[in-house]
Amino acid sequence: GFCFVFQAEDGIRDLVRSRRLGEVYKRQDCADLYYYRGLYWQLGNDPQKSRADLLVALALDNHFHSAAHALAALYLGSGELAEALDWLRLLNDEKPDDLDVQNNLAACEAGLGNTERAVEIWNAILKIAPNYELARKNLERYQR
């Protein structure tokens, strides 16, 4: 018979005695692991599990920009605009030059009925980056 051996997170281990990936996640306190699993759940269309893992990633690393952005997008996509707005404001405070965050912040503001604020943000984006197509399209939508 064949014996398969592979490199595991704690050294070389026999395939028969290996643990499952889920058990590795439970055992490791690594923000990256939770972030990537949160993205996996997003792709698998399971927003509750995605949200849970992204929140754990952020609890382990409070300044994990990508995890916060993914969480804000999850809230924005599910119509939970107040939650999205909170995360987008935090992201914008930490990285005020991130145009994607600013665009999502403006979209969230517009969704909450704050269209004047949204238009201000999109105009500010277009002053900095005149070719930023998402901001231009969003601005056109709300200036009709």
Protein backbone atom coordinates (compact mmCIF):
# COMPACT_ATOMS: atom_id res chain seq x y z
CA GLY A 1 0.00 0.00 0.00
CA PHE A 2 0.85 3.66 -0.25
CA CYS A 3 1.59 6.00 2.61
CA PHE A 4 1.02 9.68 1.91
CA VAL A 5 2.96 12.29 3.84
CA PHE A 6 2.48 16.05 3.52
CA GLN A 7 3.71 19.27 5.08
CA ALA A 8 1.22 20.47 7.68
CA GLU A 9 1.05 23.55 9.86
CA ASP A 10 2.92 21.79 12.67
CA GLY A 11 5.32 19.61 10.69
CA ILE A 12 5.14 16.49 8.57
CA ARG A 13 2.21 14.33 9.50
CA ASP A 14 0.62 11.14 8.30
CA LEU A 15 -2.46 11.74 6.12
CA VAL A 16 -4.54 9.32 8.19
CA ARG A 17 -3.91 11.22 11.43
CA SER A 18 -4.28 14.71 9.96
CA ARG A 19 -6.85 17.14 11.27
CA ARG A 20 -9.40 18.88 9.13
CA LEU A 21 -8.88 22.50 8.04
CA GLY A 22 -11.72 23.73 10.22
CA GLU A 23 -9.92 22.43 13.29
CA VAL A 24 -6.81 24.34 12.27
CA TYR A 25 -8.83 27.57 12.16
CA LYS A 26 -10.27 26.94 15.62
CA ARG A 27 -6.79 26.45 17.00
CA GLN A 28 -5.04 29.41 15.39
CA ASP A 29 -5.55 33.04 16.30
CA CYS A 30 -4.48 34.52 13.00
CA ALA A 31 -6.45 37.40 11.50
CA ASP A 32 -5.44 36.41 7.96
CA LEU A 33 -6.96 32.95 8.30
CA TYR A 34 -10.29 34.35 9.42
CA TYR A 35 -10.19 37.02 6.70
CA TYR A 36 -9.65 34.51 3.91
CA ARG A 37 -12.24 32.16 5.29
CA GLY A 38 -14.63 35.13 5.49
CA LEU A 39 -14.00 35.78 1.79
CA TYR A 40 -14.59 32.09 1.10
CA TRP A 41 -17.98 32.28 2.84
CA GLN A 42 -18.82 35.41 0.84
CA LEU A 43 -18.10 33.55 -2.39
CA GLY A 44 -20.14 30.62 -1.08
CA ASN A 45 -23.06 32.99 -0.46
CA ASP A 46 -23.12 32.53 3.30
CA PRO A 47 -23.06 36.11 4.61
CA GLN A 48 -23.60 35.15 8.26
CA LYS A 49 -20.51 32.95 8.39
CA SER A 50 -18.57 35.52 6.38
CA ARG A 51 -19.57 38.31 8.77
CA ALA A 52 -18.59 36.19 11.78
CA ASP A 53 -15.14 35.39 10.42
CA LEU A 54 -14.47 38.97 9.29
CA LEU A 55 -15.43 40.24 12.74
CA VAL A 56 -13.01 37.76 14.35
CA ALA A 57 -10.26 38.90 11.94
CA LEU A 58 -10.93 42.49 13.02
CA ALA A 59 -10.98 41.54 16.69
CA LEU A 60 -7.52 40.01 16.24
CA ASP A 61 -6.22 42.95 14.20
CA ASN A 62 -8.15 46.19 14.70
CA HIS A 63 -6.44 47.88 11.74
CA PHE A 64 -6.98 45.10 9.16
CA HIS A 65 -8.11 47.38 6.33
CA SER A 66 -9.02 44.61 3.87
CA ALA A 67 -11.17 42.78 6.41
CA ALA A 68 -12.99 45.96 7.38
CA HIS A 69 -13.55 46.84 3.73
CA ALA A 70 -14.92 43.36 2.99
CA LEU A 71 -17.22 43.62 6.01
CA ALA A 72 -18.44 47.07 4.97
CA ALA A 73 -19.13 45.77 1.45
CA LEU A 74 -21.04 42.85 2.95
CA TYR A 75 -23.22 45.20 4.98
CA LEU A 76 -23.65 47.54 2.01
CA GLY A 77 -24.68 44.67 -0.27
CA SER A 78 -27.22 43.35 2.21
CA GLY A 79 -28.80 46.78 2.73
CA GLU A 80 -27.52 47.18 6.31
CA LEU A 81 -26.50 50.74 5.54
CA ALA A 82 -26.06 52.06 9.09
CA GLU A 83 -23.54 49.30 9.86
CA ALA A 84 -21.81 49.82 6.52
CA LEU A 85 -21.60 53.55 7.16
CA ASP A 86 -19.89 53.01 10.53
CA TRP A 87 -17.21 50.77 9.00
CA LEU A 88 -16.72 53.00 5.95
CA ARG A 89 -16.24 56.06 8.15
CA LEU A 90 -13.62 54.20 10.20
CA LEU A 91 -11.87 53.08 7.02
CA ASN A 92 -11.96 56.59 5.59
CA ASP A 93 -10.49 58.00 8.82
CA GLU A 94 -7.63 55.48 8.67
CA LYS A 95 -6.92 55.79 4.94
CA PRO A 96 -8.44 59.01 3.61
CA ASP A 97 -6.76 58.51 0.21
CA ASP A 98 -8.55 55.23 -0.55
CA LEU A 99 -10.91 56.13 -3.39
CA ASP A 100 -12.77 52.82 -3.25
CA VAL A 101 -13.67 53.46 0.38
CA GLN A 102 -14.75 57.00 -0.47
CA ASN A 103 -16.91 55.78 -3.35
CA ASN A 104 -18.58 53.16 -1.14
CA LEU A 105 -19.02 55.77 1.58
CA ALA A 106 -20.79 58.05 -0.90
CA ALA A 107 -22.99 55.18 -2.14
CA CYS A 108 -23.92 54.40 1.46
CA GLU A 109 -24.71 58.05 2.18
CA ALA A 110 -26.90 58.15 -0.93
CA GLY A 111 -28.67 54.98 0.13
CA LEU A 112 -29.45 56.57 3.48
CA GLY A 113 -30.93 59.60 1.74
CA ASN A 114 -27.95 61.91 2.25
CA THR A 115 -27.59 62.61 -1.47
CA GLU A 116 -26.00 66.05 -1.04
CA ARG A 117 -23.21 64.51 1.02
CA ALA A 118 -22.82 61.69 -1.50
CA VAL A 119 -22.55 64.12 -4.41
CA GLU A 120 -19.91 66.11 -2.48
CA ILE A 121 -17.83 62.97 -1.96
CA TRP A 122 -18.10 61.87 -5.61
CA ASN A 123 -17.14 65.35 -6.82
CA ALA A 124 -14.13 65.32 -4.49
CA ILE A 125 -13.08 61.92 -5.86
CA LEU A 126 -13.35 63.17 -9.44
CA LYS A 127 -11.21 66.23 -8.65
CA ILE A 128 -8.46 63.90 -7.45
CA ALA A 129 -8.98 61.16 -10.07
CA PRO A 130 -10.99 62.44 -13.05
CA ASN A 131 -10.99 58.98 -14.67
CA TYR A 132 -12.46 57.14 -11.68
CA GLU A 133 -15.36 55.57 -13.55
CA LEU A 134 -17.38 54.24 -10.59
CA ALA A 135 -17.61 57.69 -9.02
CA ARG A 136 -18.54 59.24 -12.36
CA LYS A 137 -21.33 56.69 -12.95
CA ASN A 138 -22.68 57.08 -9.43
CA LEU A 139 -22.62 60.85 -9.70
CA GLU A 140 -24.48 60.74 -13.02
CA ARG A 141 -27.11 58.49 -11.47
CA TYR A 142 -27.84 60.95 -8.66
CA GLN A 143 -27.63 64.16 -10.68
CA ARG A 144 -30.42 63.21 -13.08
